[in-house]
């Protein structure tokens, strides 16, 4: 429901590939939305983090490299990524709780 209503996008894994299971992220629609979702989930006891800083805007990237051309996609898309909890001890009930909280943020009823 969240993806169908354009609230979030989930990662896609091509048919010829396997997910390596080291992280799971969703993509929201803006930096502002991501910040609000992080805060909302934190209040629910769920620790999430942004995915990454583009290399060209990292401290080392700005010091040791240069960006050629115009940054049309990298920064904007990276600002939408949110890493969700993923670790070996994560229980099914905790996963359902995380999902329910994300649905709650977007004011959509869950089926769980």
PDB file of N, CA and C in Angstrom:
ATOM      1  N   UNK A   1       0.815  -1.201   0.000  1.00  0.00           N
ATOM      2  CA  UNK A   1       0.000   0.000   0.000  1.00  0.00           C
ATOM      3  C   UNK A   1       0.857   1.263   0.000  1.00  0.00           C
ATOM      4  N   UNK A   2       1.938   1.270   0.783  1.00  0.00           N
ATOM      5  CA  UNK A   2       2.798   2.455   0.814  1.00  0.00           C
ATOM      6  C   UNK A   2       3.461   2.698  -0.531  1.00  0.00           C
ATOM      7  N   UNK A   3       3.922   1.643  -1.142  1.00  0.00           N
ATOM      8  CA  UNK A   3       4.595   1.788  -2.433  1.00  0.00           C
ATOM      9  C   UNK A   3       3.583   2.114  -3.534  1.00  0.00           C
ATOM     10  N   UNK A   4       2.440   1.472  -3.503  1.00  0.00           N
ATOM     11  CA  UNK A   4       1.419   1.725  -4.516  1.00  0.00           C
ATOM     12  C   UNK A   4       0.866   3.144  -4.442  1.00  0.00           C
ATOM     13  N   UNK A   5       0.887   3.729  -3.244  1.00  0.00           N
ATOM     14  CA  UNK A   5       0.395   5.102  -3.099  1.00  0.00           C
ATOM     15  C   UNK A   5       1.522   6.132  -3.213  1.00  0.00           C
ATOM     16  N   UNK A   6       2.687   5.697  -3.705  1.00  0.00           N
ATOM     17  CA  UNK A   6       3.856   6.568  -3.930  1.00  0.00           C
ATOM     18  C   UNK A   6       4.359   7.245  -2.667  1.00  0.00           C
ATOM     19  N   UNK A   7       4.182   6.597  -1.507  1.00  0.00           N
ATOM     20  CA  UNK A   7       4.721   7.134  -0.252  1.00  0.00           C
ATOM     21  C   UNK A   7       6.188   6.762  -0.104  1.00  0.00           C
ATOM     22  N   UNK A   8       6.527   5.537  -0.452  1.00  0.00           N
ATOM     23  CA  UNK A   8       7.907   5.065  -0.367  1.00  0.00           C
ATOM     24  C   UNK A   8       8.231   4.230  -1.598  1.00  0.00           C
ATOM     25  N   UNK A   9       9.521   3.974  -1.770  1.00  0.00           N
ATOM     26  CA  UNK A   9       9.991   3.004  -2.759  1.00  0.00           C
ATOM     27  C   UNK A   9      10.890   2.035  -2.010  1.00  0.00           C
ATOM     28  N   UNK A  10      10.758   0.763  -2.349  1.00  0.00           N
ATOM     29  CA  UNK A  10      11.614  -0.256  -1.756  1.00  0.00           C
ATOM     30  C   UNK A  10      12.724  -0.604  -2.732  1.00  0.00           C
ATOM     31  N   UNK A  11      13.811  -1.167  -2.230  1.00  0.00           N
ATOM     32  CA  UNK A  11      14.885  -1.557  -3.143  1.00  0.00           C
ATOM     33  C   UNK A  11      14.426  -2.663  -4.083  1.00  0.00           C
ATOM     34  N   UNK A  12      14.969  -2.662  -5.252  1.00  0.00           N
ATOM     35  CA  UNK A  12      14.682  -3.741  -6.188  1.00  0.00           C
ATOM     36  C   UNK A  12      15.962  -4.548  -6.395  1.00  0.00           C
ATOM     37  N   UNK A  13      15.808  -5.838  -6.461  1.00  0.00           N
ATOM     38  CA  UNK A  13      16.941  -6.726  -6.694  1.00  0.00           C
ATOM     39  C   UNK A  13      16.690  -7.397  -8.037  1.00  0.00           C
ATOM     40  N   UNK A  14      17.573  -7.171  -9.010  1.00  0.00           N
ATOM     41  CA  UNK A  14      17.388  -7.800 -10.323  1.00  0.00           C
ATOM     42  C   UNK A  14      17.278  -9.316 -10.204  1.00  0.00           C
ATOM     43  N   UNK A  15      16.547  -9.944 -11.127  1.00  0.00           N
ATOM     44  CA  UNK A  15      16.315 -11.392 -11.098  1.00  0.00           C
ATOM     45  C   UNK A  15      17.609 -12.193 -10.999  1.00  0.00           C
ATOM     46  N   UNK A  16      18.644 -11.719 -11.676  1.00  0.00           N
ATOM     47  CA  UNK A  16      19.890 -12.481 -11.715  1.00  0.00           C
ATOM     48  C   UNK A  16      20.772 -12.252 -10.483  1.00  0.00           C
ATOM     49  N   UNK A  17      20.275 -11.486  -9.507  1.00  0.00           N
ATOM     50  CA  UNK A  17      21.051 -11.165  -8.303  1.00  0.00           C
ATOM     51  C   UNK A  17      20.336 -11.655  -7.047  1.00  0.00           C
ATOM     52  N   UNK A  18      21.082 -11.731  -5.946  1.00  0.00           N
ATOM     53  CA  UNK A  18      20.524 -12.054  -4.645  1.00  0.00           C
ATOM     54  C   UNK A  18      20.793 -10.896  -3.710  1.00  0.00           C
ATOM     55  N   UNK A  19      19.834 -10.598  -2.837  1.00  0.00           N
ATOM     56  CA  UNK A  19      20.047  -9.573  -1.814  1.00  0.00           C
ATOM     57  C   UNK A  19      21.071 -10.112  -0.837  1.00  0.00           C
ATOM     58  N   UNK A  20      22.078  -9.310  -0.499  1.00  0.00           N
ATOM     59  CA  UNK A  20      23.128  -9.818   0.383  1.00  0.00           C
ATOM     60  C   UNK A  20      22.784  -9.665   1.860  1.00  0.00           C
ATOM     61  N   UNK A  21      21.675  -9.036   2.165  1.00  0.00           N
ATOM     62  CA  UNK A  21      21.175  -9.004   3.524  1.00  0.00           C
ATOM     63  C   UNK A  21      21.954  -8.156   4.513  1.00  0.00           C
ATOM     64  N   UNK A  22      22.821  -7.281   4.077  1.00  0.00           N
ATOM     65  CA  UNK A  22      23.571  -6.483   5.044  1.00  0.00           C
ATOM     66  C   UNK A  22      22.861  -5.186   5.428  1.00  0.00           C
ATOM     67  N   UNK A  23      21.846  -4.783   4.669  1.00  0.00           N
ATOM     68  CA  UNK A  23      21.061  -3.600   5.020  1.00  0.00           C
ATOM     69  C   UNK A  23      19.744  -3.626   4.258  1.00  0.00           C
ATOM     70  N   UNK A  24      18.812  -2.820   4.782  1.00  0.00           N
ATOM     71  CA  UNK A  24      17.537  -2.655   4.095  1.00  0.00           C
ATOM     72  C   UNK A  24      17.161  -1.190   4.202  1.00  0.00           C
ATOM     73  N   UNK A  25      16.769  -0.617   3.090  1.00  0.00           N
ATOM     74  CA  UNK A  25      16.408   0.797   3.085  1.00  0.00           C
ATOM     75  C   UNK A  25      15.089   0.992   2.351  1.00  0.00           C
ATOM     76  N   UNK A  26      14.501   2.143   2.624  1.00  0.00           N
ATOM     77  CA  UNK A  26      13.372   2.609   1.825  1.00  0.00           C
ATOM     78  C   UNK A  26      13.750   3.976   1.288  1.00  0.00           C
ATOM     79  N   UNK A  27      13.072   4.381   0.254  1.00  0.00           N
ATOM     80  CA  UNK A  27      13.286   5.716  -0.295  1.00  0.00           C
ATOM     81  C   UNK A  27      11.990   6.491  -0.141  1.00  0.00           C
ATOM     82  N   UNK A  28      12.061   7.625   0.569  1.00  0.00           N
ATOM     83  CA  UNK A  28      10.896   8.490   0.761  1.00  0.00           C
ATOM     84  C   UNK A  28      10.935   9.574  -0.305  1.00  0.00           C
ATOM     85  N   UNK A  29      10.074  10.574  -0.201  1.00  0.00           N
ATOM     86  CA  UNK A  29       9.953  11.543  -1.292  1.00  0.00           C
ATOM     87  C   UNK A  29      10.783  12.810  -1.158  1.00  0.00           C
ATOM     88  N   UNK A  30      11.376  13.055   0.024  1.00  0.00           N
ATOM     89  CA  UNK A  30      12.186  14.266   0.180  1.00  0.00           C
ATOM     90  C   UNK A  30      13.036  14.178   1.435  1.00  0.00           C
ATOM     91  N   UNK A  31      14.018  15.043   1.529  1.00  0.00           N
ATOM     92  CA  UNK A  31      14.862  15.143   2.716  1.00  0.00           C
ATOM     93  C   UNK A  31      14.014  15.517   3.930  1.00  0.00           C
ATOM     94  N   UNK A  32      13.116  16.467   3.774  1.00  0.00           N
ATOM     95  CA  UNK A  32      12.255  16.898   4.881  1.00  0.00           C
ATOM     96  C   UNK A  32      11.407  15.738   5.394  1.00  0.00           C
ATOM     97  N   UNK A  33      10.847  14.966   4.486  1.00  0.00           N
ATOM     98  CA  UNK A  33      10.039  13.810   4.873  1.00  0.00           C
ATOM     99  C   UNK A  33      10.891  12.785   5.603  1.00  0.00           C
ATOM    100  N   UNK A  34      12.104  12.553   5.106  1.00  0.00           N
ATOM    101  CA  UNK A  34      13.000  11.595   5.760  1.00  0.00           C
ATOM    102  C   UNK A  34      13.313  12.034   7.181  1.00  0.00           C
ATOM    103  N   UNK A  35      13.603  13.314   7.372  1.00  0.00           N
ATOM    104  CA  UNK A  35      13.916  13.814   8.707  1.00  0.00           C
ATOM    105  C   UNK A  35      12.729  13.641   9.653  1.00  0.00           C
ATOM    106  N   UNK A  36      11.528  13.914   9.161  1.00  0.00           N
ATOM    107  CA  UNK A  36      10.322  13.757   9.979  1.00  0.00           C
ATOM    108  C   UNK A  36      10.094  12.283  10.325  1.00  0.00           C
ATOM    109  N   UNK A  37      10.317  11.390   9.360  1.00  0.00           N
ATOM    110  CA  UNK A  37      10.131   9.964   9.603  1.00  0.00           C
ATOM    111  C   UNK A  37      11.162   9.449  10.605  1.00  0.00           C
ATOM    112  N   UNK A  38      12.406   9.872  10.493  1.00  0.00           N
ATOM    113  CA  UNK A  38      13.442   9.470  11.457  1.00  0.00           C
ATOM    114  C   UNK A  38      13.030   9.877  12.866  1.00  0.00           C
ATOM    115  N   UNK A  39      12.578  11.107  13.030  1.00  0.00           N
ATOM    116  CA  UNK A  39      12.156  11.605  14.341  1.00  0.00           C
ATOM    117  C   UNK A  39      10.939  10.838  14.854  1.00  0.00           C
ATOM    118  N   UNK A  40       9.954  10.601  13.998  1.00  0.00           N
ATOM    119  CA  UNK A  40       8.753   9.857  14.373  1.00  0.00           C
ATOM    120  C   UNK A  40       9.130   8.453  14.853  1.00  0.00           C
ATOM    121  N   UNK A  41       9.979   7.763  14.092  1.00  0.00           N
ATOM    122  CA  UNK A  41      10.373   6.410  14.464  1.00  0.00           C
ATOM    123  C   UNK A  41      11.210   6.398  15.736  1.00  0.00           C
ATOM    124  N   UNK A  42      12.041   7.403  15.910  1.00  0.00           N
ATOM    125  CA  UNK A  42      12.847   7.509  17.140  1.00  0.00           C
ATOM    126  C   UNK A  42      11.931   7.591  18.361  1.00  0.00           C
ATOM    127  N   UNK A  43      10.866   8.364  18.259  1.00  0.00           N
ATOM    128  CA  UNK A  43       9.902   8.481  19.361  1.00  0.00           C
ATOM    129  C   UNK A  43       9.203   7.155  19.637  1.00  0.00           C
ATOM    130  N   UNK A  44       9.176   6.270  18.647  1.00  0.00           N
ATOM    131  CA  UNK A  44       8.574   4.945  18.795  1.00  0.00           C
ATOM    132  C   UNK A  44       9.607   3.902  19.222  1.00  0.00           C
ATOM    133  N   UNK A  45      10.845   4.346  19.481  1.00  0.00           N
ATOM    134  CA  UNK A  45      11.903   3.433  19.906  1.00  0.00           C
ATOM    135  C   UNK A  45      12.606   2.717  18.775  1.00  0.00           C
ATOM    136  N   UNK A  46      12.480   3.228  17.563  1.00  0.00           N
ATOM    137  CA  UNK A  46      13.088   2.600  16.382  1.00  0.00           C
ATOM    138  C   UNK A  46      14.217   3.490  15.879  1.00  0.00           C
ATOM    139  N   UNK A  47      15.425   2.943  15.871  1.00  0.00           N
ATOM    140  CA  UNK A  47      16.593   3.703  15.421  1.00  0.00           C
ATOM    141  C   UNK A  47      16.803   3.487  13.926  1.00  0.00           C
ATOM    142  N   UNK A  48      16.723   4.570  13.167  1.00  0.00           N
ATOM    143  CA  UNK A  48      16.994   4.533  11.732  1.00  0.00           C
ATOM    144  C   UNK A  48      18.048   5.587  11.423  1.00  0.00           C
ATOM    145  N   UNK A  49      18.718   5.433  10.312  1.00  0.00           N
ATOM    146  CA  UNK A  49      19.742   6.397   9.914  1.00  0.00           C
ATOM    147  C   UNK A  49      19.617   6.668   8.420  1.00  0.00           C
ATOM    148  N   UNK A  50      20.173   7.792   7.994  1.00  0.00           N
ATOM    149  CA  UNK A  50      20.202   8.041   6.562  1.00  0.00           C
ATOM    150  C   UNK A  50      21.222   7.104   5.949  1.00  0.00           C
ATOM    151  N   UNK A  51      21.094   6.897   4.680  1.00  0.00           N
ATOM    152  CA  UNK A  51      21.853   5.841   4.016  1.00  0.00           C
ATOM    153  C   UNK A  51      23.328   6.190   3.817  1.00  0.00           C
ATOM    154  N   UNK A  52      23.602   7.258   3.140  1.00  0.00           N
ATOM    155  CA  UNK A  52      24.997   7.627   2.912  1.00  0.00           C
ATOM    156  C   UNK A  52      25.093   9.069   2.438  1.00  0.00           C
ATOM    157  N   UNK A  53      26.308   9.576   2.515  1.00  0.00           N
ATOM    158  CA  UNK A  53      26.616  10.898   1.967  1.00  0.00           C
ATOM    159  C   UNK A  53      27.316  10.654   0.632  1.00  0.00           C
ATOM    160  N   UNK A  54      26.881  11.297  -0.437  1.00  0.00           N
ATOM    161  CA  UNK A  54      27.552  11.096  -1.724  1.00  0.00           C
ATOM    162  C   UNK A  54      29.048  11.389  -1.607  1.00  0.00           C
ATOM    163  N   UNK A  55      29.846  10.607  -2.280  1.00  0.00           N
ATOM    164  CA  UNK A  55      31.298  10.749  -2.177  1.00  0.00           C
ATOM    165  C   UNK A  55      31.766  12.169  -2.480  1.00  0.00           C
ATOM    166  N   UNK A  56      31.177  12.807  -3.471  1.00  0.00           N
ATOM    167  CA  UNK A  56      31.655  14.133  -3.853  1.00  0.00           C
ATOM    168  C   UNK A  56      31.376  15.193  -2.795  1.00  0.00           C
ATOM    169  N   UNK A  57      30.439  14.931  -1.864  1.00  0.00           N
ATOM    170  CA  UNK A  57      30.177  15.918  -0.817  1.00  0.00           C
ATOM    171  C   UNK A  57      30.687  15.470   0.550  1.00  0.00           C
ATOM    172  N   UNK A  58      31.361  14.324   0.607  1.00  0.00           N
ATOM    173  CA  UNK A  58      31.985  13.887   1.854  1.00  0.00           C
ATOM    174  C   UNK A  58      33.246  14.715   2.098  1.00  0.00           C
ATOM    175  N   UNK A  59      33.723  14.709   3.321  1.00  0.00           N
ATOM    176  CA  UNK A  59      34.925  15.477   3.666  1.00  0.00           C
ATOM    177  C   UNK A  59      36.100  15.045   2.789  1.00  0.00           C
ATOM    178  N   UNK A  60      36.329  13.736   2.701  1.00  0.00           N
ATOM    179  CA  UNK A  60      37.442  13.232   1.883  1.00  0.00           C
ATOM    180  C   UNK A  60      37.217  13.532   0.405  1.00  0.00           C
ATOM    181  N   UNK A  61      35.985  13.378  -0.061  1.00  0.00           N
ATOM    182  CA  UNK A  61      35.695  13.648  -1.465  1.00  0.00           C
ATOM    183  C   UNK A  61      35.963  15.091  -1.843  1.00  0.00           C
ATOM    184  N   UNK A  62      35.580  16.016  -0.967  1.00  0.00           N
ATOM    185  CA  UNK A  62      35.820  17.436  -1.263  1.00  0.00           C
ATOM    186  C   UNK A  62      37.305  17.771  -1.194  1.00  0.00           C
ATOM    187  N   UNK A  63      38.040  17.042  -0.351  1.00  0.00           N
ATOM    188  CA  UNK A  63      39.474  17.321  -0.197  1.00  0.00           C
ATOM    189  C   UNK A  63      40.319  16.684  -1.303  1.00  0.00           C
ATOM    190  N   UNK A  64      39.992  15.463  -1.697  1.00  0.00           N
ATOM    191  CA  UNK A  64      40.876  14.709  -2.576  1.00  0.00           C
ATOM    192  C   UNK A  64      40.368  14.503  -4.001  1.00  0.00           C
ATOM    193  N   UNK A  65      39.161  14.964  -4.299  1.00  0.00           N
ATOM    194  CA  UNK A  65      38.641  14.711  -5.638  1.00  0.00           C
ATOM    195  C   UNK A  65      37.874  15.918  -6.147  1.00  0.00           C
ATOM    196  N   UNK A  66      37.295  15.759  -7.304  1.00  0.00           N
ATOM    197  CA  UNK A  66      36.450  16.820  -7.852  1.00  0.00           C
ATOM    198  C   UNK A  66      35.265  16.163  -8.540  1.00  0.00           C
ATOM    199  N   UNK A  67      34.209  16.909  -8.635  1.00  0.00           N
ATOM    200  CA  UNK A  67      32.989  16.424  -9.276  1.00  0.00           C
ATOM    201  C   UNK A  67      32.903  17.089 -10.636  1.00  0.00           C
ATOM    202  N   UNK A  68      32.838  16.290 -11.677  1.00  0.00           N
ATOM    203  CA  UNK A  68      32.724  16.823 -13.031  1.00  0.00           C
ATOM    204  C   UNK A  68      31.262  16.829 -13.453  1.00  0.00           C
ATOM    205  N   UNK A  69      30.826  17.914 -14.048  1.00  0.00           N
ATOM    206  CA  UNK A  69      29.458  17.993 -14.525  1.00  0.00           C
ATOM    207  C   UNK A  69      28.525  18.520 -13.454  1.00  0.00           C
ATOM    208  N   UNK A  70      27.248  18.311 -13.690  1.00  0.00           N
ATOM    209  CA  UNK A  70      26.223  18.803 -12.782  1.00  0.00           C
ATOM    210  C   UNK A  70      25.666  17.644 -11.965  1.00  0.00           C
ATOM    211  N   UNK A  71      25.463  17.858 -10.680  1.00  0.00           N
ATOM    212  CA  UNK A  71      24.889  16.841  -9.801  1.00  0.00           C
ATOM    213  C   UNK A  71      23.366  16.901  -9.927  1.00  0.00           C
ATOM    214  N   UNK A  72      22.840  16.177 -10.882  1.00  0.00           N
ATOM    215  CA  UNK A  72      21.405  16.207 -11.147  1.00  0.00           C
ATOM    216  C   UNK A  72      20.657  15.227 -10.239  1.00  0.00           C
ATOM    217  N   UNK A  73      21.247  14.066  -9.971  1.00  0.00           N
ATOM    218  CA  UNK A  73      20.520  13.011  -9.259  1.00  0.00           C
ATOM    219  C   UNK A  73      21.126  12.605  -7.911  1.00  0.00           C
ATOM    220  N   UNK A  74      22.434  12.513  -7.819  1.00  0.00           N
ATOM    221  CA  UNK A  74      23.081  11.874  -6.679  1.00  0.00           C
ATOM    222  C   UNK A  74      22.660  12.443  -5.336  1.00  0.00           C
ATOM    223  N   UNK A  75      22.802  13.733  -5.150  1.00  0.00           N
ATOM    224  CA  UNK A  75      22.476  14.332  -3.854  1.00  0.00           C
ATOM    225  C   UNK A  75      20.986  14.234  -3.556  1.00  0.00           C
ATOM    226  N   UNK A  76      20.162  14.589  -4.509  1.00  0.00           N
ATOM    227  CA  UNK A  76      18.711  14.565  -4.294  1.00  0.00           C
ATOM    228  C   UNK A  76      18.240  13.149  -3.951  1.00  0.00           C
ATOM    229  N   UNK A  77      18.714  12.148  -4.672  1.00  0.00           N
ATOM    230  CA  UNK A  77      18.294  10.775  -4.415  1.00  0.00           C
ATOM    231  C   UNK A  77      18.846  10.264  -3.089  1.00  0.00           C
ATOM    232  N   UNK A  78      20.081  10.625  -2.740  1.00  0.00           N
ATOM    233  CA  UNK A  78      20.649  10.159  -1.479  1.00  0.00           C
ATOM    234  C   UNK A  78      19.908  10.745  -0.281  1.00  0.00           C
ATOM    235  N   UNK A  79      19.340  11.927  -0.441  1.00  0.00           N
ATOM    236  CA  UNK A  79      18.590  12.564   0.643  1.00  0.00           C
ATOM    237  C   UNK A  79      17.268  11.861   0.931  1.00  0.00           C
ATOM    238  N   UNK A  80      16.843  10.980   0.064  1.00  0.00           N
ATOM    239  CA  UNK A  80      15.574  10.268   0.222  1.00  0.00           C
ATOM    240  C   UNK A  80      15.745   8.890   0.868  1.00  0.00           C
ATOM    241  N   UNK A  81      16.974   8.402   0.969  1.00  0.00           N
ATOM    242  CA  UNK A  81      17.224   7.048   1.460  1.00  0.00           C
ATOM    243  C   UNK A  81      17.222   6.981   2.977  1.00  0.00           C
ATOM    244  N   UNK A  82      16.552   5.964   3.522  1.00  0.00           N
ATOM    245  CA  UNK A  82      16.487   5.756   4.964  1.00  0.00           C
ATOM    246  C   UNK A  82      16.738   4.284   5.258  1.00  0.00           C
ATOM    247  N   UNK A  83      17.783   4.018   6.034  1.00  0.00           N
ATOM    248  CA  UNK A  83      18.095   2.641   6.422  1.00  0.00           C
ATOM    249  C   UNK A  83      17.222   2.234   7.599  1.00  0.00           C
ATOM    250  N   UNK A  84      16.584   1.095   7.459  1.00  0.00           N
ATOM    251  CA  UNK A  84      15.769   0.543   8.530  1.00  0.00           C
ATOM    252  C   UNK A  84      16.585  -0.470   9.320  1.00  0.00           C
ATOM    253  N   UNK A  85      16.179  -0.746  10.558  1.00  0.00           N
ATOM    254  CA  UNK A  85      16.920  -1.733  11.354  1.00  0.00           C
ATOM    255  C   UNK A  85      16.985  -3.083  10.642  1.00  0.00           C
ATOM    256  N   UNK A  86      18.165  -3.664  10.637  1.00  0.00           N
ATOM    257  CA  UNK A  86      18.365  -5.000  10.083  1.00  0.00           C
ATOM    258  C   UNK A  86      19.571  -5.597  10.794  1.00  0.00           C
ATOM    259  N   UNK A  87      19.308  -6.605  11.610  1.00  0.00           N
ATOM    260  CA  UNK A  87      20.377  -7.294  12.312  1.00  0.00           C
ATOM    261  C   UNK A  87      19.893  -8.694  12.656  1.00  0.00           C
ATOM    262  N   UNK A  88      20.828  -9.555  12.967  1.00  0.00           N
ATOM    263  CA  UNK A  88      20.536 -10.970  13.137  1.00  0.00           C
ATOM    264  C   UNK A  88      19.475 -11.246  14.196  1.00  0.00           C
ATOM    265  N   UNK A  89      19.492 -10.529  15.308  1.00  0.00           N
ATOM    266  CA  UNK A  89      18.567 -10.795  16.403  1.00  0.00           C
ATOM    267  C   UNK A  89      17.191 -10.151  16.215  1.00  0.00           C
ATOM    268  N   UNK A  90      16.957  -9.450  15.115  1.00  0.00           N
ATOM    269  CA  UNK A  90      15.679  -8.788  14.868  1.00  0.00           C
ATOM    270  C   UNK A  90      14.579  -9.838  14.769  1.00  0.00           C
ATOM    271  N   UNK A  91      13.588  -9.709  15.628  1.00  0.00           N
ATOM    272  CA  UNK A  91      12.499 -10.683  15.699  1.00  0.00           C
ATOM    273  C   UNK A  91      11.348 -10.292  14.768  1.00  0.00           C
ATOM    274  N   UNK A  92      10.560 -11.273  14.366  1.00  0.00           N
ATOM    275  CA  UNK A  92       9.444 -11.019  13.462  1.00  0.00           C
ATOM    276  C   UNK A  92       8.479  -9.980  14.042  1.00  0.00           C
ATOM    277  N   UNK A  93       8.213 -10.060  15.333  1.00  0.00           N
ATOM    278  CA  UNK A  93       7.334  -9.087  15.980  1.00  0.00           C
ATOM    279  C   UNK A  93       7.874  -7.670  15.887  1.00  0.00           C
ATOM    280  N   UNK A  94       9.190  -7.547  15.980  1.00  0.00           N
ATOM    281  CA  UNK A  94       9.817  -6.223  15.857  1.00  0.00           C
ATOM    282  C   UNK A  94       9.700  -5.701  14.428  1.00  0.00           C
ATOM    283  N   UNK A  95       9.834  -6.585  13.475  1.00  0.00           N
ATOM    284  CA  UNK A  95       9.687  -6.192  12.071  1.00  0.00           C
ATOM    285  C   UNK A  95       8.268  -5.691  11.821  1.00  0.00           C
ATOM    286  N   UNK A  96       7.289  -6.421  12.334  1.00  0.00           N
ATOM    287  CA  UNK A  96       5.891  -6.009  12.177  1.00  0.00           C
ATOM    288  C   UNK A  96       5.657  -4.663  12.848  1.00  0.00           C
ATOM    289  N   UNK A  97       6.250  -4.454  14.029  1.00  0.00           N
ATOM    290  CA  UNK A  97       6.125  -3.169  14.728  1.00  0.00           C
ATOM    291  C   UNK A  97       6.698  -2.032  13.885  1.00  0.00           C
ATOM    292  N   UNK A  98       7.864  -2.230  13.302  1.00  0.00           N
ATOM    293  CA  UNK A  98       8.487  -1.211  12.446  1.00  0.00           C
ATOM    294  C   UNK A  98       7.573  -0.879  11.269  1.00  0.00           C
ATOM    295  N   UNK A  99       7.053  -1.921  10.631  1.00  0.00           N
ATOM    296  CA  UNK A  99       6.153  -1.721   9.490  1.00  0.00           C
ATOM    297  C   UNK A  99       4.915  -0.940   9.916  1.00  0.00           C
ATOM    298  N   UNK A 100       4.312  -1.337  11.033  1.00  0.00           N
ATOM    299  CA  UNK A 100       3.116  -0.643  11.524  1.00  0.00           C
ATOM    300  C   UNK A 100       3.401   0.824  11.807  1.00  0.00           C
ATOM    301  N   UNK A 101       4.559   1.111  12.376  1.00  0.00           N
ATOM    302  CA  UNK A 101       4.914   2.502  12.681  1.00  0.00           C
ATOM    303  C   UNK A 101       5.094   3.324  11.410  1.00  0.00           C
ATOM    304  N   UNK A 102       5.676   2.732  10.384  1.00  0.00           N
ATOM    305  CA  UNK A 102       5.835   3.450   9.118  1.00  0.00           C
ATOM    306  C   UNK A 102       4.465   3.714   8.502  1.00  0.00           C
ATOM    307  N   UNK A 103       3.587   2.724   8.540  1.00  0.00           N
ATOM    308  CA  UNK A 103       2.221   2.931   8.068  1.00  0.00           C
ATOM    309  C   UNK A 103       1.529   4.028   8.872  1.00  0.00           C
ATOM    310  N   UNK A 104       1.746   4.030  10.188  1.00  0.00           N
ATOM    311  CA  UNK A 104       1.143   5.055  11.040  1.00  0.00           C
ATOM    312  C   UNK A 104       1.629   6.447  10.638  1.00  0.00           C
ATOM    313  N   UNK A 105       2.913   6.576  10.361  1.00  0.00           N
ATOM    314  CA  UNK A 105       3.473   7.871   9.935  1.00  0.00           C
ATOM    315  C   UNK A 105       2.735   8.392   8.709  1.00  0.00           C
ATOM    316  N   UNK A 106       2.440   7.498   7.786  1.00  0.00           N
ATOM    317  CA  UNK A 106       1.770   7.892   6.554  1.00  0.00           C
ATOM    318  C   UNK A 106       0.239   7.824   6.664  1.00  0.00           C
ATOM    319  N   UNK A 107      -0.260   7.556   7.867  1.00  0.00           N
ATOM    320  CA  UNK A 107      -1.710   7.482   8.119  1.00  0.00           C
ATOM    321  C   UNK A 107      -2.413   6.470   7.216  1.00  0.00           C
ATOM    322  N   UNK A 108      -1.825   5.303   7.088  1.00  0.00           N
ATOM    323  CA  UNK A 108      -2.407   4.226   6.301  1.00  0.00           C
ATOM    324  C   UNK A 108      -2.594   3.025   7.228  1.00  0.00           C
ATOM    325  N   UNK A 109      -3.744   2.400   7.171  1.00  0.00           N
ATOM    326  CA  UNK A 109      -4.024   1.217   7.990  1.00  0.00           C
ATOM    327  C   UNK A 109      -3.218   0.025   7.487  1.00  0.00           C
ATOM    328  N   UNK A 110      -2.748  -0.799   8.430  1.00  0.00           N
ATOM    329  CA  UNK A 110      -2.040  -2.028   8.061  1.00  0.00           C
ATOM    330  C   UNK A 110      -2.984  -3.209   8.157  1.00  0.00           C
ATOM    331  N   UNK A 111      -2.577  -4.308   7.541  1.00  0.00           N
ATOM    332  CA  UNK A 111      -3.379  -5.531   7.587  1.00  0.00           C
ATOM    333  C   UNK A 111      -2.901  -6.465   8.691  1.00  0.00           C
ATOM    334  N   UNK A 112      -1.824  -6.107   9.391  1.00  0.00           N
ATOM    335  CA  UNK A 112      -1.283  -6.982  10.472  1.00  0.00           C
ATOM    336  C   UNK A 112      -2.074  -6.809  11.727  1.00  0.00           C
TER     337      UNK A 112
END
